[in-house]
Amino acid sequence: MTEDAASIAASLRAVPDGVKRSPDLATLDHVHPKSFGGPLSRDNIVLACSACNNERGVMEASAFRVLKAAGKPA
């Protein structure tokens, strides 16, 4: 993790997915994916478990939350 990413991570809140996981499984997740122009900023990064981060891929966070709430796989 770069120094900038570590600084951002220290000030972030976790985004719950309803499953308790070990904190060491948390990853930095871009709300608006970097591949779609999302910035590396506190407003665009949240903590997510690695399983959800990998499942979401480049999907927008809002669309992913809708699928998870409906119980559907991404």
C-alpha atoms as a PDB file:
ATOM      1  CA  MET A   1       0.000   0.000   0.000  1.00  0.00           C
ATOM      2  CA  THR A   2       1.413   3.388  -0.910  1.00  0.00           C
ATOM      3  CA  GLU A   3       1.819   6.121   1.681  1.00  0.00           C
ATOM      4  CA  ASP A   4      -1.094   8.075   0.141  1.00  0.00           C
ATOM      5  CA  ALA A   5      -3.334   4.990   0.202  1.00  0.00           C
ATOM      6  CA  ALA A   6      -2.356   4.235   3.807  1.00  0.00           C
ATOM      7  CA  SER A   7      -3.152   7.809   4.802  1.00  0.00           C
ATOM      8  CA  ILE A   8      -6.556   7.582   3.159  1.00  0.00           C
ATOM      9  CA  ALA A   9      -7.266   4.157   4.670  1.00  0.00           C
ATOM     10  CA  ALA A  10      -6.580   5.450   8.164  1.00  0.00           C
ATOM     11  CA  SER A  11      -9.438   7.943   7.875  1.00  0.00           C
ATOM     12  CA  LEU A  12     -12.066   5.766   6.191  1.00  0.00           C
ATOM     13  CA  ARG A  13     -15.146   4.030   7.446  1.00  0.00           C
ATOM     14  CA  ALA A  14     -15.865   0.430   6.528  1.00  0.00           C
ATOM     15  CA  VAL A  15     -18.784  -0.359   4.252  1.00  0.00           C
ATOM     16  CA  PRO A  16     -20.666  -3.248   5.850  1.00  0.00           C
ATOM     17  CA  ASP A  17     -21.754  -6.178   3.731  1.00  0.00           C
ATOM     18  CA  GLY A  18     -23.579  -7.939   6.550  1.00  0.00           C
ATOM     19  CA  VAL A  19     -20.796 -10.477   7.110  1.00  0.00           C
ATOM     20  CA  LYS A  20     -18.305 -10.187   9.957  1.00  0.00           C
ATOM     21  CA  ARG A  21     -14.782 -10.558   8.648  1.00  0.00           C
ATOM     22  CA  SER A  22     -11.310 -10.129  10.040  1.00  0.00           C
ATOM     23  CA  PRO A  23     -10.070  -6.518   9.656  1.00  0.00           C
ATOM     24  CA  ASP A  24      -6.963  -7.786   7.900  1.00  0.00           C
ATOM     25  CA  LEU A  25      -9.188  -8.818   4.956  1.00  0.00           C
ATOM     26  CA  ALA A  26     -10.214  -5.205   4.309  1.00  0.00           C
ATOM     27  CA  THR A  27      -9.203  -3.632   1.010  1.00  0.00           C
ATOM     28  CA  LEU A  28      -9.425  -0.131  -0.393  1.00  0.00           C
ATOM     29  CA  ASP A  29     -12.341   0.044  -2.801  1.00  0.00           C
ATOM     30  CA  HIS A  30     -13.052   2.893  -5.201  1.00  0.00           C
ATOM     31  CA  VAL A  31     -16.727   3.949  -5.110  1.00  0.00           C
ATOM     32  CA  HIS A  32     -16.388   5.232  -8.681  1.00  0.00           C
ATOM     33  CA  PRO A  33     -13.954   2.753 -10.311  1.00  0.00           C
ATOM     34  CA  LYS A  34     -10.527   4.055 -11.339  1.00  0.00           C
ATOM     35  CA  SER A  35     -11.095   2.453 -14.742  1.00  0.00           C
ATOM     36  CA  PHE A  36     -14.023   4.875 -15.216  1.00  0.00           C
ATOM     37  CA  GLY A  37     -12.004   7.894 -14.104  1.00  0.00           C
ATOM     38  CA  GLY A  38     -12.578   7.647 -10.351  1.00  0.00           C
ATOM     39  CA  PRO A  39     -10.018   9.628  -8.347  1.00  0.00           C
ATOM     40  CA  LEU A  40      -7.762   8.447  -5.520  1.00  0.00           C
ATOM     41  CA  SER A  41      -9.414  10.645  -2.889  1.00  0.00           C
ATOM     42  CA  ARG A  42     -11.073  10.201   0.499  1.00  0.00           C
ATOM     43  CA  ASP A  43     -14.451  10.876  -1.082  1.00  0.00           C
ATOM     44  CA  ASN A  44     -14.037   8.037  -3.571  1.00  0.00           C
ATOM     45  CA  ILE A  45     -12.484   5.314  -1.411  1.00  0.00           C
ATOM     46  CA  VAL A  46     -14.083   3.077   1.206  1.00  0.00           C
ATOM     47  CA  LEU A  47     -12.985  -0.055   3.021  1.00  0.00           C
ATOM     48  CA  ALA A  48     -14.530  -3.264   1.732  1.00  0.00           C
ATOM     49  CA  CYS A  49     -13.888  -6.911   2.412  1.00  0.00           C
ATOM     50  CA  SER A  50     -11.732  -8.445  -0.290  1.00  0.00           C
ATOM     51  CA  ALA A  51     -14.528 -10.859  -1.283  1.00  0.00           C
ATOM     52  CA  CYS A  52     -16.964  -8.021  -2.053  1.00  0.00           C
ATOM     53  CA  ASN A  53     -14.288  -5.901  -3.695  1.00  0.00           C
ATOM     54  CA  ASN A  54     -13.374  -8.776  -6.026  1.00  0.00           C
ATOM     55  CA  GLU A  55     -17.010  -9.678  -6.721  1.00  0.00           C
ATOM     56  CA  ARG A  56     -17.900  -6.079  -7.550  1.00  0.00           C
ATOM     57  CA  GLY A  57     -15.040  -5.652 -10.008  1.00  0.00           C
ATOM     58  CA  VAL A  58     -15.639  -2.460 -12.013  1.00  0.00           C
ATOM     59  CA  MET A  59     -19.361  -2.257 -11.260  1.00  0.00           C
ATOM     60  CA  GLU A  60     -20.554   1.054  -9.802  1.00  0.00           C
ATOM     61  CA  ALA A  61     -20.959   0.832  -6.023  1.00  0.00           C
ATOM     62  CA  SER A  62     -24.643   1.793  -6.126  1.00  0.00           C
ATOM     63  CA  ALA A  63     -25.464  -0.962  -8.628  1.00  0.00           C
ATOM     64  CA  PHE A  64     -23.524  -3.500  -6.565  1.00  0.00           C
ATOM     65  CA  ARG A  65     -25.413  -2.545  -3.381  1.00  0.00           C
ATOM     66  CA  VAL A  66     -28.733  -3.051  -5.195  1.00  0.00           C
ATOM     67  CA  LEU A  67     -27.681  -6.545  -6.346  1.00  0.00           C
ATOM     68  CA  LYS A  68     -26.421  -7.481  -2.862  1.00  0.00           C
ATOM     69  CA  ALA A  69     -29.636  -6.230  -1.234  1.00  0.00           C
ATOM     70  CA  ALA A  70     -31.649  -8.343  -3.668  1.00  0.00           C
ATOM     71  CA  GLY A  71     -29.498 -11.373  -2.838  1.00  0.00           C
ATOM     72  CA  LYS A  72     -28.234 -11.715  -6.408  1.00  0.00           C
ATOM     73  CA  PRO A  73     -24.631 -12.469  -7.386  1.00  0.00           C
ATOM     74  CA  ALA A  74     -22.752  -9.698  -9.207  1.00  0.00           C
END
